[in-house]
PDB file of N, CA and C in Angstrom:
ATOM      1  N   UNK A   1       0.865  -1.164  -0.006  1.00  0.00           N
ATOM      2  CA  UNK A   1       0.020   0.006   0.033  1.00  0.00           C
ATOM      3  C   UNK A   1       0.882   1.238   0.000  1.00  0.00           C
ATOM      4  N   UNK A   2       0.556   2.205  -0.847  1.00  0.00           N
ATOM      5  CA  UNK A   2       1.373   3.394  -0.939  1.00  0.00           C
ATOM      6  C   UNK A   2       1.003   4.351   0.219  1.00  0.00           C
ATOM      7  N   UNK A   3       1.874   5.258   0.600  1.00  0.00           N
ATOM      8  CA  UNK A   3       1.545   6.257   1.631  1.00  0.00           C
ATOM      9  C   UNK A   3       0.395   7.147   1.190  1.00  0.00           C
ATOM     10  N   UNK A   4      -0.457   7.502   2.124  1.00  0.00           N
ATOM     11  CA  UNK A   4      -1.645   8.299   1.804  1.00  0.00           C
ATOM     12  C   UNK A   4      -1.845   9.340   2.915  1.00  0.00           C
ATOM     13  N   UNK A   5      -2.154  10.542   2.527  1.00  0.00           N
ATOM     14  CA  UNK A   5      -2.379  11.592   3.564  1.00  0.00           C
ATOM     15  C   UNK A   5      -3.827  11.500   4.007  1.00  0.00           C
ATOM     16  N   UNK A   6      -4.086  12.229   5.123  1.00  0.00           N
ATOM     17  CA  UNK A   6      -5.436  12.279   5.618  1.00  0.00           C
ATOM     18  C   UNK A   6      -6.397  12.946   4.677  1.00  0.00           C
ATOM     19  N   UNK A   7      -5.909  14.013   4.051  1.00  0.00           N
ATOM     20  CA  UNK A   7      -6.758  14.750   3.087  1.00  0.00           C
ATOM     21  C   UNK A   7      -7.146  13.833   1.892  1.00  0.00           C
ATOM     22  N   UNK A   8      -6.157  13.066   1.416  1.00  0.00           N
ATOM     23  CA  UNK A   8      -6.413  12.159   0.293  1.00  0.00           C
ATOM     24  C   UNK A   8      -7.395  11.050   0.690  1.00  0.00           C
ATOM     25  N   UNK A   9      -7.249  10.589   1.943  1.00  0.00           N
ATOM     26  CA  UNK A   9      -8.180   9.541   2.431  1.00  0.00           C
ATOM     27  C   UNK A   9      -9.627  10.138   2.501  1.00  0.00           C
ATOM     28  N   UNK A  10      -9.738  11.367   2.906  1.00  0.00           N
ATOM     29  CA  UNK A  10     -11.051  12.020   2.980  1.00  0.00           C
ATOM     30  C   UNK A  10     -11.661  12.110   1.540  1.00  0.00           C
ATOM     31  N   UNK A  11     -10.825  12.414   0.569  1.00  0.00           N
ATOM     32  CA  UNK A  11     -11.285  12.518  -0.813  1.00  0.00           C
ATOM     33  C   UNK A  11     -11.809  11.180  -1.274  1.00  0.00           C
ATOM     34  N   UNK A  12     -11.049  10.108  -1.020  1.00  0.00           N
ATOM     35  CA  UNK A  12     -11.453   8.745  -1.407  1.00  0.00           C
ATOM     36  C   UNK A  12     -12.735   8.323  -0.745  1.00  0.00           C
ATOM     37  N   UNK A  13     -12.897   8.679   0.545  1.00  0.00           N
ATOM     38  CA  UNK A  13     -14.139   8.332   1.209  1.00  0.00           C
ATOM     39  C   UNK A  13     -15.308   9.090   0.621  1.00  0.00           C
ATOM     40  N   UNK A  14     -15.170  10.313   0.269  1.00  0.00           N
ATOM     41  CA  UNK A  14     -16.200  11.130  -0.339  1.00  0.00           C
ATOM     42  C   UNK A  14     -16.626  10.496  -1.667  1.00  0.00           C
ATOM     43  N   UNK A  15     -15.644  10.090  -2.462  1.00  0.00           N
ATOM     44  CA  UNK A  15     -15.934   9.499  -3.749  1.00  0.00           C
ATOM     45  C   UNK A  15     -16.634   8.131  -3.616  1.00  0.00           C
ATOM     46  N   UNK A  16     -16.446   7.474  -2.483  1.00  0.00           N
ATOM     47  CA  UNK A  16     -17.058   6.173  -2.228  1.00  0.00           C
ATOM     48  C   UNK A  16     -18.457   6.306  -1.618  1.00  0.00           C
ATOM     49  N   UNK A  17     -18.964   7.548  -1.468  1.00  0.00           N
ATOM     50  CA  UNK A  17     -20.293   7.708  -0.932  1.00  0.00           C
ATOM     51  C   UNK A  17     -20.390   8.135   0.516  1.00  0.00           C
ATOM     52  N   UNK A  18     -19.264   8.195   1.211  1.00  0.00           N
ATOM     53  CA  UNK A  18     -19.231   8.612   2.625  1.00  0.00           C
ATOM     54  C   UNK A  18     -19.393  10.088   2.682  1.00  0.00           C
ATOM     55  N   UNK A  19     -20.127  10.631   3.651  1.00  0.00           N
ATOM     56  CA  UNK A  19     -20.330  12.065   3.789  1.00  0.00           C
ATOM     57  C   UNK A  19     -19.714  12.558   5.057  1.00  0.00           C
ATOM     58  N   UNK A  20     -19.162  13.736   4.999  1.00  0.00           N
ATOM     59  CA  UNK A  20     -18.529  14.375   6.210  1.00  0.00           C
ATOM     60  C   UNK A  20     -19.640  14.815   7.120  1.00  0.00           C
ATOM     61  N   UNK A  21     -19.672  14.241   8.282  1.00  0.00           N
ATOM     62  CA  UNK A  21     -20.685  14.586   9.274  1.00  0.00           C
ATOM     63  C   UNK A  21     -20.279  15.774  10.091  1.00  0.00           C
ATOM     64  N   UNK A  22     -19.038  15.773  10.582  1.00  0.00           N
ATOM     65  CA  UNK A  22     -18.572  16.840  11.427  1.00  0.00           C
ATOM     66  C   UNK A  22     -17.069  16.819  11.544  1.00  0.00           C
ATOM     67  N   UNK A  23     -16.492  17.905  12.018  1.00  0.00           N
ATOM     68  CA  UNK A  23     -15.077  17.968  12.229  1.00  0.00           C
ATOM     69  C   UNK A  23     -14.836  18.358  13.671  1.00  0.00           C
ATOM     70  N   UNK A  24     -14.009  17.622  14.364  1.00  0.00           N
ATOM     71  CA  UNK A  24     -13.687  17.932  15.774  1.00  0.00           C
ATOM     72  C   UNK A  24     -12.216  18.080  15.851  1.00  0.00           C
ATOM     73  N   UNK A  25     -11.726  19.287  15.872  1.00  0.00           N
ATOM     74  CA  UNK A  25     -10.324  19.507  15.868  1.00  0.00           C
ATOM     75  C   UNK A  25      -9.723  19.120  14.541  1.00  0.00           C
ATOM     76  N   UNK A  26      -8.811  18.162  14.531  1.00  0.00           N
ATOM     77  CA  UNK A  26      -8.264  17.753  13.260  1.00  0.00           C
ATOM     78  C   UNK A  26      -8.769  16.393  12.817  1.00  0.00           C
ATOM     79  N   UNK A  27      -9.846  15.947  13.421  1.00  0.00           N
ATOM     80  CA  UNK A  27     -10.460  14.648  13.049  1.00  0.00           C
ATOM     81  C   UNK A  27     -11.721  14.875  12.259  1.00  0.00           C
ATOM     82  N   UNK A  28     -11.774  14.308  11.077  1.00  0.00           N
ATOM     83  CA  UNK A  28     -12.940  14.392  10.176  1.00  0.00           C
ATOM     84  C   UNK A  28     -13.706  13.116  10.388  1.00  0.00           C
ATOM     85  N   UNK A  29     -14.986  13.251  10.690  1.00  0.00           N
ATOM     86  CA  UNK A  29     -15.864  12.124  10.990  1.00  0.00           C
ATOM     87  C   UNK A  29     -16.865  11.929   9.836  1.00  0.00           C
ATOM     88  N   UNK A  30     -16.790  10.716   9.245  1.00  0.00           N
ATOM     89  CA  UNK A  30     -17.625  10.419   8.116  1.00  0.00           C
ATOM     90  C   UNK A  30     -18.696   9.390   8.462  1.00  0.00           C
ATOM     91  N   UNK A  31     -19.785   9.471   7.796  1.00  0.00           N
ATOM     92  CA  UNK A  31     -20.901   8.489   7.909  1.00  0.00           C
ATOM     93  C   UNK A  31     -21.439   8.221   6.556  1.00  0.00           C
ATOM     94  N   UNK A  32     -22.247   7.166   6.439  1.00  0.00           N
ATOM     95  CA  UNK A  32     -22.833   6.787   5.159  1.00  0.00           C
ATOM     96  C   UNK A  32     -24.282   6.331   5.429  1.00  0.00           C
ATOM     97  N   UNK A  33     -25.200   6.781   4.593  1.00  0.00           N
ATOM     98  CA  UNK A  33     -26.556   6.317   4.746  1.00  0.00           C
ATOM     99  C   UNK A  33     -26.637   4.786   4.630  1.00  0.00           C
ATOM    100  N   UNK A  34     -27.340   4.151   5.545  1.00  0.00           N
ATOM    101  CA  UNK A  34     -27.517   2.721   5.520  1.00  0.00           C
ATOM    102  C   UNK A  34     -26.395   2.002   6.294  1.00  0.00           C
ATOM    103  N   UNK A  35     -25.322   2.715   6.705  1.00  0.00           N
ATOM    104  CA  UNK A  35     -24.252   2.095   7.518  1.00  0.00           C
ATOM    105  C   UNK A  35     -24.385   2.556   8.965  1.00  0.00           C
ATOM    106  N   UNK A  36     -24.163   1.679   9.861  1.00  0.00           N
ATOM    107  CA  UNK A  36     -24.253   2.041  11.279  1.00  0.00           C
ATOM    108  C   UNK A  36     -22.893   2.555  11.822  1.00  0.00           C
ATOM    109  N   UNK A  37     -21.828   2.278  11.099  1.00  0.00           N
ATOM    110  CA  UNK A  37     -20.510   2.693  11.584  1.00  0.00           C
ATOM    111  C   UNK A  37     -20.121   4.070  11.129  1.00  0.00           C
ATOM    112  N   UNK A  38     -19.233   4.687  11.878  1.00  0.00           N
ATOM    113  CA  UNK A  38     -18.658   5.942  11.512  1.00  0.00           C
ATOM    114  C   UNK A  38     -17.171   5.739  11.278  1.00  0.00           C
ATOM    115  N   UNK A  39     -16.561   6.602  10.500  1.00  0.00           N
ATOM    116  CA  UNK A  39     -15.124   6.521  10.237  1.00  0.00           C
ATOM    117  C   UNK A  39     -14.499   7.820  10.573  1.00  0.00           C
ATOM    118  N   UNK A  40     -13.447   7.782  11.373  1.00  0.00           N
ATOM    119  CA  UNK A  40     -12.721   8.965  11.770  1.00  0.00           C
ATOM    120  C   UNK A  40     -11.366   9.012  11.093  1.00  0.00           C
ATOM    121  N   UNK A  41     -11.058  10.111  10.482  1.00  0.00           N
ATOM    122  CA  UNK A  41      -9.806  10.294   9.752  1.00  0.00           C
ATOM    123  C   UNK A  41      -9.052  11.481  10.344  1.00  0.00           C
ATOM    124  N   UNK A  42      -7.849  11.252  10.885  1.00  0.00           N
ATOM    125  CA  UNK A  42      -7.009  12.380  11.366  1.00  0.00           C
ATOM    126  C   UNK A  42      -6.386  13.099  10.162  1.00  0.00           C
ATOM    127  N   UNK A  43      -6.613  14.402  10.146  1.00  0.00           N
ATOM    128  CA  UNK A  43      -6.049  15.196   9.042  1.00  0.00           C
ATOM    129  C   UNK A  43      -5.070  16.221   9.719  1.00  0.00           C
ATOM    130  N   UNK A  44      -3.822  15.868   9.705  1.00  0.00           N
ATOM    131  CA  UNK A  44      -2.766  16.710  10.304  1.00  0.00           C
ATOM    132  C   UNK A  44      -1.912  17.312   9.200  1.00  0.00           C
ATOM    133  N   UNK A  45      -2.414  18.378   8.644  1.00  0.00           N
ATOM    134  CA  UNK A  45      -1.689  19.026   7.508  1.00  0.00           C
ATOM    135  C   UNK A  45      -1.666  18.059   6.336  1.00  0.00           C
ATOM    136  N   UNK A  46      -0.499  17.910   5.770  1.00  0.00           N
ATOM    137  CA  UNK A  46      -0.341  17.021   4.640  1.00  0.00           C
ATOM    138  C   UNK A  46       0.483  15.770   4.997  1.00  0.00           C
ATOM    139  N   UNK A  47       0.502  15.457   6.306  1.00  0.00           N
ATOM    140  CA  UNK A  47       1.292  14.282   6.803  1.00  0.00           C
ATOM    141  C   UNK A  47       0.586  13.023   6.378  1.00  0.00           C
ATOM    142  N   UNK A  48       1.400  11.995   6.114  1.00  0.00           N
ATOM    143  CA  UNK A  48       0.838  10.677   5.716  1.00  0.00           C
ATOM    144  C   UNK A  48       0.319   9.938   6.937  1.00  0.00           C
ATOM    145  N   UNK A  49      -0.741   9.193   6.685  1.00  0.00           N
ATOM    146  CA  UNK A  49      -1.278   8.274   7.775  1.00  0.00           C
ATOM    147  C   UNK A  49      -0.328   7.108   7.924  1.00  0.00           C
ATOM    148  N   UNK A  50      -0.243   6.558   9.121  1.00  0.00           N
ATOM    149  CA  UNK A  50       0.552   5.409   9.291  1.00  0.00           C
ATOM    150  C   UNK A  50      -0.091   4.217   8.500  1.00  0.00           C
ATOM    151  N   UNK A  51       0.716   3.300   8.060  1.00  0.00           N
ATOM    152  CA  UNK A  51       0.216   2.192   7.200  1.00  0.00           C
ATOM    153  C   UNK A  51      -0.921   1.394   7.804  1.00  0.00           C
ATOM    154  N   UNK A  52      -0.817   1.081   9.051  1.00  0.00           N
ATOM    155  CA  UNK A  52      -1.819   0.282   9.722  1.00  0.00           C
ATOM    156  C   UNK A  52      -3.155   1.040   9.867  1.00  0.00           C
ATOM    157  N   UNK A  53      -3.065   2.315  10.162  1.00  0.00           N
ATOM    158  CA  UNK A  53      -4.300   3.151  10.278  1.00  0.00           C
ATOM    159  C   UNK A  53      -4.947   3.276   8.913  1.00  0.00           C
ATOM    160  N   UNK A  54      -4.173   3.553   7.869  1.00  0.00           N
ATOM    161  CA  UNK A  54      -4.704   3.700   6.557  1.00  0.00           C
ATOM    162  C   UNK A  54      -5.380   2.404   6.127  1.00  0.00           C
ATOM    163  N   UNK A  55      -4.797   1.264   6.391  1.00  0.00           N
ATOM    164  CA  UNK A  55      -5.384  -0.041   6.064  1.00  0.00           C
ATOM    165  C   UNK A  55      -6.677  -0.293   6.800  1.00  0.00           C
ATOM    166  N   UNK A  56      -6.734   0.093   8.101  1.00  0.00           N
ATOM    167  CA  UNK A  56      -7.914  -0.126   8.892  1.00  0.00           C
ATOM    168  C   UNK A  56      -9.062   0.757   8.396  1.00  0.00           C
ATOM    169  N   UNK A  57      -8.778   1.994   8.063  1.00  0.00           N
ATOM    170  CA  UNK A  57      -9.821   2.875   7.520  1.00  0.00           C
ATOM    171  C   UNK A  57     -10.359   2.342   6.230  1.00  0.00           C
ATOM    172  N   UNK A  58      -9.457   1.912   5.312  1.00  0.00           N
ATOM    173  CA  UNK A  58      -9.863   1.360   4.030  1.00  0.00           C
ATOM    174  C   UNK A  58     -10.682   0.116   4.208  1.00  0.00           C
ATOM    175  N   UNK A  59     -10.309  -0.742   5.153  1.00  0.00           N
ATOM    176  CA  UNK A  59     -11.047  -1.977   5.412  1.00  0.00           C
ATOM    177  C   UNK A  59     -12.441  -1.654   5.951  1.00  0.00           C
ATOM    178  N   UNK A  60     -12.543  -0.698   6.884  1.00  0.00           N
ATOM    179  CA  UNK A  60     -13.851  -0.374   7.445  1.00  0.00           C
ATOM    180  C   UNK A  60     -14.779   0.263   6.414  1.00  0.00           C
ATOM    181  N   UNK A  61     -14.188   1.009   5.451  1.00  0.00           N
ATOM    182  CA  UNK A  61     -15.023   1.642   4.449  1.00  0.00           C
ATOM    183  C   UNK A  61     -15.208   0.816   3.180  1.00  0.00           C
ATOM    184  N   UNK A  62     -14.656  -0.372   3.146  1.00  0.00           N
ATOM    185  CA  UNK A  62     -14.697  -1.256   1.963  1.00  0.00           C
ATOM    186  C   UNK A  62     -14.073  -0.633   0.768  1.00  0.00           C
ATOM    187  N   UNK A  63     -12.947   0.062   0.918  1.00  0.00           N
ATOM    188  CA  UNK A  63     -12.203   0.753  -0.155  1.00  0.00           C
ATOM    189  C   UNK A  63     -11.133  -0.203  -0.669  1.00  0.00           C
ATOM    190  N   UNK A  64     -10.905  -0.130  -1.966  1.00  0.00           N
ATOM    191  CA  UNK A  64      -9.767  -0.813  -2.603  1.00  0.00           C
ATOM    192  C   UNK A  64      -9.087   0.184  -3.506  1.00  0.00           C
ATOM    193  N   UNK A  65      -7.802   0.155  -3.555  1.00  0.00           N
ATOM    194  CA  UNK A  65      -7.030   0.973  -4.520  1.00  0.00           C
ATOM    195  C   UNK A  65      -5.747   0.360  -4.858  1.00  0.00           C
TER     196      UNK A  65
END
């Protein structure tokens, strides 16, 4: 998996149908109609997410790239 920033992860989630519900500090919280889970993405400038966190977010959102 290639490195991905929080901003880029937010863009991928939006393209996959997830909507930004709210922002609390630097954490963007996404939800999707019909899904009970929420996804939180830390956006710290343009820093990359750690590989394990990026993989967990992608797995929870059913993303593939």
